[in-house]
Amino acid sequence: MKSHVKSLLALLAAAAMATPLAVQANEAQPAAAKVDPAKGQALSTQVCAACHTADGSRGSPAYPILQGQHPEYLAKQLAEFKAGKRENAIMKGFASALSDEDMKNVAAFYSSKQAKPGAAKNKDLVVLGEKIYRGGIADRKVPACAGCHSPSGAGMPAQYPRLSGQHADYTAVQLTAFRDGIRKNNAVMTGVAAKMNDREIKAVSDYIAGLH
């Protein structure tokens, strides 16, 4: 009986000593930094504005519109440029100078802006573009874009990017890059674009530009 009591007391003493150590260990862990769009704006002015404009709005069709994009998606792309998972020499140079916190701040700044609507330009292709976006291409098992990016093109936070209003030229370049194996950071999109021809890519890209 005495041996059981001694064992119990020893366990209690060990627990009492361990508890302060556990508390100290938890206190030693730094709290996660809060996302700061103001810091993101400062960085975007210094680093991003030359190509993406001051607020990520409708600049050159060669560069993506960043306004209103999901912050998780933007931060992920910056991280993948930095890591080389998404290849672009210019973006790798800029992203490599950013910390994870910087990326989140920049992403928060751009996502806080209201995206401006765009418009489709090719009347001959817009019907085909709508058909692909909403219904896919059945005979080649190309899924409808709306299934992941939503019927309005709003996307899904942390999963699929916002597409509505995006420059048609930029979207077409990205789809072609996925199809041709140049852009390699999304296996699903590689599989989808691999089954699309140039006309279909152009059509769905133009439709997306006017989607809202």
C-alpha atoms as a PDB file:
ATOM      1  CA  MET A   1       0.000   0.000   0.000  1.00  0.00           C
ATOM      2  CA  LYS A   2       2.807   2.363   0.967  1.00  0.00           C
ATOM      3  CA  SER A   3       4.552   1.645  -2.346  1.00  0.00           C
ATOM      4  CA  HIS A   4       1.388   2.628  -4.270  1.00  0.00           C
ATOM      5  CA  VAL A   5       1.136   5.873  -2.316  1.00  0.00           C
ATOM      6  CA  LYS A   6       4.768   6.674  -2.981  1.00  0.00           C
ATOM      7  CA  SER A   7       4.301   5.994  -6.704  1.00  0.00           C
ATOM      8  CA  LEU A   8       1.234   8.262  -6.824  1.00  0.00           C
ATOM      9  CA  LEU A   9       3.067  11.059  -5.021  1.00  0.00           C
ATOM     10  CA  ALA A  10       5.991  10.717  -7.424  1.00  0.00           C
ATOM     11  CA  LEU A  11       3.660  11.010 -10.439  1.00  0.00           C
ATOM     12  CA  LEU A  12       1.962  14.087  -8.988  1.00  0.00           C
ATOM     13  CA  ALA A  13       5.327  15.700  -8.298  1.00  0.00           C
ATOM     14  CA  ALA A  14       6.488  15.016 -11.862  1.00  0.00           C
ATOM     15  CA  ALA A  15       3.267  16.482 -13.271  1.00  0.00           C
ATOM     16  CA  ALA A  16       3.640  19.574 -11.125  1.00  0.00           C
ATOM     17  CA  MET A  17       7.165  20.108 -12.426  1.00  0.00           C
ATOM     18  CA  ALA A  18       6.150  19.495 -16.039  1.00  0.00           C
ATOM     19  CA  THR A  19       3.223  21.935 -16.038  1.00  0.00           C
ATOM     20  CA  PRO A  20       5.294  25.129 -15.619  1.00  0.00           C
ATOM     21  CA  LEU A  21       7.680  23.896 -18.298  1.00  0.00           C
ATOM     22  CA  ALA A  22       4.794  23.335 -20.703  1.00  0.00           C
ATOM     23  CA  VAL A  23       3.423  26.799 -19.956  1.00  0.00           C
ATOM     24  CA  GLN A  24       6.847  28.335 -20.518  1.00  0.00           C
ATOM     25  CA  ALA A  25       7.183  26.484 -23.833  1.00  0.00           C
ATOM     26  CA  ASN A  26       3.814  27.799 -25.009  1.00  0.00           C
ATOM     27  CA  GLU A  27       4.668  31.317 -23.918  1.00  0.00           C
ATOM     28  CA  ALA A  28       7.972  31.104 -25.793  1.00  0.00           C
ATOM     29  CA  GLN A  29       6.176  30.552 -29.091  1.00  0.00           C
ATOM     30  CA  PRO A  30       5.694  33.875 -30.907  1.00  0.00           C
ATOM     31  CA  ALA A  31       2.136  34.850 -31.715  1.00  0.00           C
ATOM     32  CA  ALA A  32       1.231  34.767 -35.399  1.00  0.00           C
ATOM     33  CA  ALA A  33       1.596  38.195 -36.968  1.00  0.00           C
ATOM     34  CA  LYS A  34      -1.663  39.866 -37.972  1.00  0.00           C
ATOM     35  CA  VAL A  35      -2.194  40.543 -41.652  1.00  0.00           C
ATOM     36  CA  ASP A  36      -1.618  44.238 -42.390  1.00  0.00           C
ATOM     37  CA  PRO A  37      -3.066  45.573 -45.689  1.00  0.00           C
ATOM     38  CA  ALA A  38      -1.379  48.955 -45.065  1.00  0.00           C
ATOM     39  CA  LYS A  39       2.030  47.294 -45.110  1.00  0.00           C
ATOM     40  CA  GLY A  40       0.908  45.401 -48.188  1.00  0.00           C
ATOM     41  CA  GLN A  41       0.012  48.665 -49.906  1.00  0.00           C
ATOM     42  CA  ALA A  42       3.451  50.084 -49.152  1.00  0.00           C
ATOM     43  CA  LEU A  43       5.104  47.004 -50.635  1.00  0.00           C
ATOM     44  CA  SER A  44       2.847  47.014 -53.678  1.00  0.00           C
ATOM     45  CA  THR A  45       3.739  50.648 -54.359  1.00  0.00           C
ATOM     46  CA  GLN A  46       7.450  49.867 -54.172  1.00  0.00           C
ATOM     47  CA  VAL A  47       7.480  46.504 -55.903  1.00  0.00           C
ATOM     48  CA  CYS A  48       4.278  45.626 -57.784  1.00  0.00           C
ATOM     49  CA  ALA A  49       2.751  48.836 -59.146  1.00  0.00           C
ATOM     50  CA  ALA A  50       4.929  49.092 -62.258  1.00  0.00           C
ATOM     51  CA  CYS A  51       3.187  46.068 -63.793  1.00  0.00           C
ATOM     52  CA  HIS A  52      -0.003  45.642 -61.766  1.00  0.00           C
ATOM     53  CA  THR A  53      -0.892  49.339 -61.221  1.00  0.00           C
ATOM     54  CA  ALA A  54      -1.178  50.961 -57.804  1.00  0.00           C
ATOM     55  CA  ASP A  55      -4.259  48.990 -56.786  1.00  0.00           C
ATOM     56  CA  GLY A  56      -4.117  45.907 -59.018  1.00  0.00           C
ATOM     57  CA  SER A  57      -6.789  47.218 -61.392  1.00  0.00           C
ATOM     58  CA  ARG A  58      -7.187  46.984 -65.151  1.00  0.00           C
ATOM     59  CA  GLY A  59      -3.640  47.619 -66.356  1.00  0.00           C
ATOM     60  CA  SER A  60      -1.936  45.922 -69.290  1.00  0.00           C
ATOM     61  CA  PRO A  61      -3.754  42.822 -70.590  1.00  0.00           C
ATOM     62  CA  ALA A  62      -0.437  40.989 -70.307  1.00  0.00           C
ATOM     63  CA  TYR A  63      -0.641  41.140 -66.516  1.00  0.00           C
ATOM     64  CA  PRO A  64      -3.417  39.780 -64.287  1.00  0.00           C
ATOM     65  CA  ILE A  65      -5.963  41.946 -62.535  1.00  0.00           C
ATOM     66  CA  LEU A  66      -5.346  41.443 -58.825  1.00  0.00           C
ATOM     67  CA  GLN A  67      -8.226  43.464 -57.364  1.00  0.00           C
ATOM     68  CA  GLY A  68     -10.658  41.333 -55.425  1.00  0.00           C
ATOM     69  CA  GLN A  69      -8.631  38.142 -55.804  1.00  0.00           C
ATOM     70  CA  HIS A  70      -8.715  35.733 -52.882  1.00  0.00           C
ATOM     71  CA  PRO A  71      -5.785  36.537 -50.559  1.00  0.00           C
ATOM     72  CA  GLU A  72      -4.995  32.847 -50.003  1.00  0.00           C
ATOM     73  CA  TYR A  73      -4.611  32.354 -53.754  1.00  0.00           C
ATOM     74  CA  LEU A  74      -2.390  35.408 -54.202  1.00  0.00           C
ATOM     75  CA  ALA A  75      -0.126  34.442 -51.309  1.00  0.00           C
ATOM     76  CA  LYS A  76       0.115  30.887 -52.652  1.00  0.00           C
ATOM     77  CA  GLN A  77       1.144  32.089 -56.110  1.00  0.00           C
ATOM     78  CA  LEU A  78       3.812  34.394 -54.675  1.00  0.00           C
ATOM     79  CA  ALA A  79       5.181  31.534 -52.578  1.00  0.00           C
ATOM     80  CA  GLU A  80       5.271  29.259 -55.613  1.00  0.00           C
ATOM     81  CA  PHE A  81       7.046  31.878 -57.740  1.00  0.00           C
ATOM     82  CA  LYS A  82       9.624  32.167 -54.965  1.00  0.00           C
ATOM     83  CA  ALA A  83      10.023  28.404 -54.702  1.00  0.00           C
ATOM     84  CA  GLY A  84      10.186  27.908 -58.471  1.00  0.00           C
ATOM     85  CA  LYS A  85       7.003  25.801 -58.607  1.00  0.00           C
ATOM     86  CA  ARG A  86       5.524  28.423 -60.919  1.00  0.00           C
ATOM     87  CA  GLU A  87       8.098  29.648 -63.396  1.00  0.00           C
ATOM     88  CA  ASN A  88       8.427  33.317 -64.282  1.00  0.00           C
ATOM     89  CA  ALA A  89      11.833  34.983 -64.074  1.00  0.00           C
ATOM     90  CA  ILE A  90      10.438  38.449 -63.328  1.00  0.00           C
ATOM     91  CA  MET A  91       8.026  37.283 -60.650  1.00  0.00           C
ATOM     92  CA  LYS A  92      10.624  34.998 -59.078  1.00  0.00           C
ATOM     93  CA  GLY A  93      12.939  37.974 -58.657  1.00  0.00           C
ATOM     94  CA  PHE A  94      10.271  40.047 -56.926  1.00  0.00           C
ATOM     95  CA  ALA A  95       8.802  37.208 -54.852  1.00  0.00           C
ATOM     96  CA  SER A  96      12.216  36.069 -53.641  1.00  0.00           C
ATOM     97  CA  ALA A  97      12.622  39.371 -51.820  1.00  0.00           C
ATOM     98  CA  LEU A  98       9.369  38.890 -49.894  1.00  0.00           C
ATOM     99  CA  SER A  99       8.886  37.064 -46.609  1.00  0.00           C
ATOM    100  CA  ASP A 100       5.795  34.943 -45.953  1.00  0.00           C
ATOM    101  CA  GLU A 101       4.418  37.835 -43.913  1.00  0.00           C
ATOM    102  CA  ASP A 102       5.069  40.264 -46.787  1.00  0.00           C
ATOM    103  CA  MET A 103       3.198  37.990 -49.176  1.00  0.00           C
ATOM    104  CA  LYS A 104       0.178  37.793 -46.907  1.00  0.00           C
ATOM    105  CA  ASN A 105       0.144  41.568 -46.448  1.00  0.00           C
ATOM    106  CA  VAL A 106       0.365  42.252 -50.183  1.00  0.00           C
ATOM    107  CA  ALA A 107      -2.358  39.674 -50.860  1.00  0.00           C
ATOM    108  CA  ALA A 108      -4.591  41.257 -48.215  1.00  0.00           C
ATOM    109  CA  PHE A 109      -4.153  44.688 -49.798  1.00  0.00           C
ATOM    110  CA  TYR A 110      -5.131  43.589 -53.299  1.00  0.00           C
ATOM    111  CA  SER A 111      -8.006  41.413 -52.126  1.00  0.00           C
ATOM    112  CA  SER A 112      -9.472  44.352 -50.211  1.00  0.00           C
ATOM    113  CA  LYS A 113     -10.038  46.279 -53.443  1.00  0.00           C
ATOM    114  CA  GLN A 114     -13.303  46.074 -55.350  1.00  0.00           C
ATOM    115  CA  ALA A 115     -12.734  44.411 -58.712  1.00  0.00           C
ATOM    116  CA  LYS A 116     -13.999  46.406 -61.685  1.00  0.00           C
ATOM    117  CA  PRO A 117     -16.151  44.664 -64.303  1.00  0.00           C
ATOM    118  CA  GLY A 118     -14.794  43.765 -67.716  1.00  0.00           C
ATOM    119  CA  ALA A 119     -16.415  42.874 -71.024  1.00  0.00           C
ATOM    120  CA  ALA A 120     -16.216  40.170 -73.670  1.00  0.00           C
ATOM    121  CA  LYS A 121     -15.026  41.430 -77.053  1.00  0.00           C
ATOM    122  CA  ASN A 122     -15.462  38.578 -79.512  1.00  0.00           C
ATOM    123  CA  LYS A 123     -19.152  38.164 -80.297  1.00  0.00           C
ATOM    124  CA  ASP A 124     -18.469  35.204 -82.579  1.00  0.00           C
ATOM    125  CA  LEU A 125     -16.865  33.181 -79.798  1.00  0.00           C
ATOM    126  CA  VAL A 126     -18.714  34.279 -76.681  1.00  0.00           C
ATOM    127  CA  VAL A 127     -21.488  31.687 -77.124  1.00  0.00           C
ATOM    128  CA  LEU A 128     -18.929  28.895 -77.337  1.00  0.00           C
ATOM    129  CA  GLY A 129     -17.107  30.354 -74.349  1.00  0.00           C
ATOM    130  CA  GLU A 130     -20.283  30.364 -72.267  1.00  0.00           C
ATOM    131  CA  LYS A 131     -21.043  26.782 -73.276  1.00  0.00           C
ATOM    132  CA  ILE A 132     -17.603  25.592 -72.134  1.00  0.00           C
ATOM    133  CA  TYR A 133     -17.624  27.633 -68.937  1.00  0.00           C
ATOM    134  CA  ARG A 134     -21.055  26.424 -67.852  1.00  0.00           C
ATOM    135  CA  GLY A 135     -21.198  22.946 -69.374  1.00  0.00           C
ATOM    136  CA  GLY A 136     -17.672  21.860 -70.260  1.00  0.00           C
ATOM    137  CA  ILE A 137     -16.868  19.781 -73.347  1.00  0.00           C
ATOM    138  CA  ALA A 138     -18.641  16.473 -72.882  1.00  0.00           C
ATOM    139  CA  ASP A 139     -17.009  14.402 -75.643  1.00  0.00           C
ATOM    140  CA  ARG A 140     -13.522  15.128 -74.249  1.00  0.00           C
ATOM    141  CA  LYS A 141     -14.558  15.049 -70.605  1.00  0.00           C
ATOM    142  CA  VAL A 142     -13.588  18.676 -70.021  1.00  0.00           C
ATOM    143  CA  PRO A 143     -15.428  19.761 -66.855  1.00  0.00           C
ATOM    144  CA  ALA A 144     -17.397  22.980 -66.636  1.00  0.00           C
ATOM    145  CA  CYS A 145     -15.282  25.868 -65.327  1.00  0.00           C
ATOM    146  CA  ALA A 146     -18.235  26.928 -63.191  1.00  0.00           C
ATOM    147  CA  GLY A 147     -17.931  23.756 -61.142  1.00  0.00           C
ATOM    148  CA  CYS A 148     -14.795  25.043 -59.425  1.00  0.00           C
ATOM    149  CA  HIS A 149     -14.779  28.771 -60.152  1.00  0.00           C
ATOM    150  CA  SER A 150     -18.543  29.243 -59.497  1.00  0.00           C
ATOM    151  CA  PRO A 151     -21.184  30.330 -62.044  1.00  0.00           C
ATOM    152  CA  SER A 152     -20.368  33.997 -61.465  1.00  0.00           C
ATOM    153  CA  GLY A 153     -16.607  33.471 -61.653  1.00  0.00           C
ATOM    154  CA  ALA A 154     -16.151  34.419 -58.002  1.00  0.00           C
ATOM    155  CA  GLY A 155     -14.098  31.312 -57.274  1.00  0.00           C
ATOM    156  CA  MET A 156     -13.803  29.711 -53.851  1.00  0.00           C
ATOM    157  CA  PRO A 157     -11.488  31.160 -51.173  1.00  0.00           C
ATOM    158  CA  ALA A 158      -8.330  29.128 -50.527  1.00  0.00           C
ATOM    159  CA  GLN A 159      -9.235  26.725 -53.334  1.00  0.00           C
ATOM    160  CA  TYR A 160     -10.004  28.318 -56.695  1.00  0.00           C
ATOM    161  CA  PRO A 161      -9.175  31.843 -57.918  1.00  0.00           C
ATOM    162  CA  ARG A 162     -11.646  34.500 -58.901  1.00  0.00           C
ATOM    163  CA  LEU A 163     -11.894  34.648 -62.716  1.00  0.00           C
ATOM    164  CA  SER A 164     -14.667  37.120 -63.481  1.00  0.00           C
ATOM    165  CA  GLY A 165     -13.495  40.197 -65.361  1.00  0.00           C
ATOM    166  CA  GLN A 166      -9.953  38.906 -65.821  1.00  0.00           C
ATOM    167  CA  HIS A 167      -8.124  40.040 -68.969  1.00  0.00           C
ATOM    168  CA  ALA A 168      -8.904  37.605 -71.787  1.00  0.00           C
ATOM    169  CA  ASP A 169      -5.331  37.817 -73.070  1.00  0.00           C
ATOM    170  CA  TYR A 170      -3.918  36.853 -69.679  1.00  0.00           C
ATOM    171  CA  THR A 171      -6.367  33.973 -69.148  1.00  0.00           C
ATOM    172  CA  ALA A 172      -5.653  32.577 -72.611  1.00  0.00           C
ATOM    173  CA  VAL A 173      -1.899  32.693 -72.011  1.00  0.00           C
ATOM    174  CA  GLN A 174      -2.291  30.832 -68.705  1.00  0.00           C
ATOM    175  CA  LEU A 175      -4.564  28.141 -70.153  1.00  0.00           C
ATOM    176  CA  THR A 176      -2.134  27.649 -73.042  1.00  0.00           C
ATOM    177  CA  ALA A 177       0.768  27.437 -70.599  1.00  0.00           C
ATOM    178  CA  PHE A 178      -1.075  24.773 -68.605  1.00  0.00           C
ATOM    179  CA  ARG A 179      -1.869  22.845 -71.790  1.00  0.00           C
ATOM    180  CA  ASP A 180       1.686  23.001 -73.110  1.00  0.00           C
ATOM    181  CA  GLY A 181       3.302  22.042 -69.802  1.00  0.00           C
ATOM    182  CA  ILE A 182       4.909  25.443 -69.277  1.00  0.00           C
ATOM    183  CA  ARG A 183       2.918  26.246 -66.162  1.00  0.00           C
ATOM    184  CA  LYS A 184       3.164  23.274 -63.820  1.00  0.00           C
ATOM    185  CA  ASN A 185       1.790  24.362 -60.457  1.00  0.00           C
ATOM    186  CA  ASN A 186      -1.725  22.933 -60.807  1.00  0.00           C
ATOM    187  CA  ALA A 187      -2.194  19.357 -62.004  1.00  0.00           C
ATOM    188  CA  VAL A 188      -5.979  19.730 -62.326  1.00  0.00           C
ATOM    189  CA  MET A 189      -5.689  22.706 -64.680  1.00  0.00           C
ATOM    190  CA  THR A 190      -3.005  20.941 -66.693  1.00  0.00           C
ATOM    191  CA  GLY A 191      -5.393  18.046 -67.221  1.00  0.00           C
ATOM    192  CA  VAL A 192      -8.284  20.309 -68.190  1.00  0.00           C
ATOM    193  CA  ALA A 193      -6.354  22.560 -70.583  1.00  0.00           C
ATOM    194  CA  ALA A 194      -4.639  19.573 -72.237  1.00  0.00           C
ATOM    195  CA  LYS A 195      -7.960  18.676 -73.865  1.00  0.00           C
ATOM    196  CA  MET A 196      -8.719  22.160 -75.235  1.00  0.00           C
ATOM    197  CA  ASN A 197      -7.744  23.632 -78.605  1.00  0.00           C
ATOM    198  CA  ASP A 198      -6.733  27.226 -79.302  1.00  0.00           C
ATOM    199  CA  ARG A 199     -10.227  28.302 -80.378  1.00  0.00           C
ATOM    200  CA  GLU A 200     -11.837  26.902 -77.242  1.00  0.00           C
ATOM    201  CA  ILE A 201      -9.238  28.536 -75.000  1.00  0.00           C
ATOM    202  CA  LYS A 202      -9.761  31.874 -76.709  1.00  0.00           C
ATOM    203  CA  ALA A 203     -13.543  31.539 -76.469  1.00  0.00           C
ATOM    204  CA  VAL A 204     -13.711  30.704 -72.762  1.00  0.00           C
ATOM    205  CA  SER A 205     -11.101  33.377 -71.943  1.00  0.00           C
ATOM    206  CA  ASP A 206     -13.146  36.043 -73.706  1.00  0.00           C
ATOM    207  CA  TYR A 207     -16.342  34.908 -71.968  1.00  0.00           C
ATOM    208  CA  ILE A 208     -14.612  35.068 -68.576  1.00  0.00           C
ATOM    209  CA  ALA A 209     -13.536  38.656 -69.272  1.00  0.00           C
ATOM    210  CA  GLY A 210     -17.187  39.743 -69.321  1.00  0.00           C
ATOM    211  CA  LEU A 211     -18.391  37.430 -66.562  1.00  0.00           C
ATOM    212  CA  HIS A 212     -19.881  38.952 -63.419  1.00  0.00           C
END
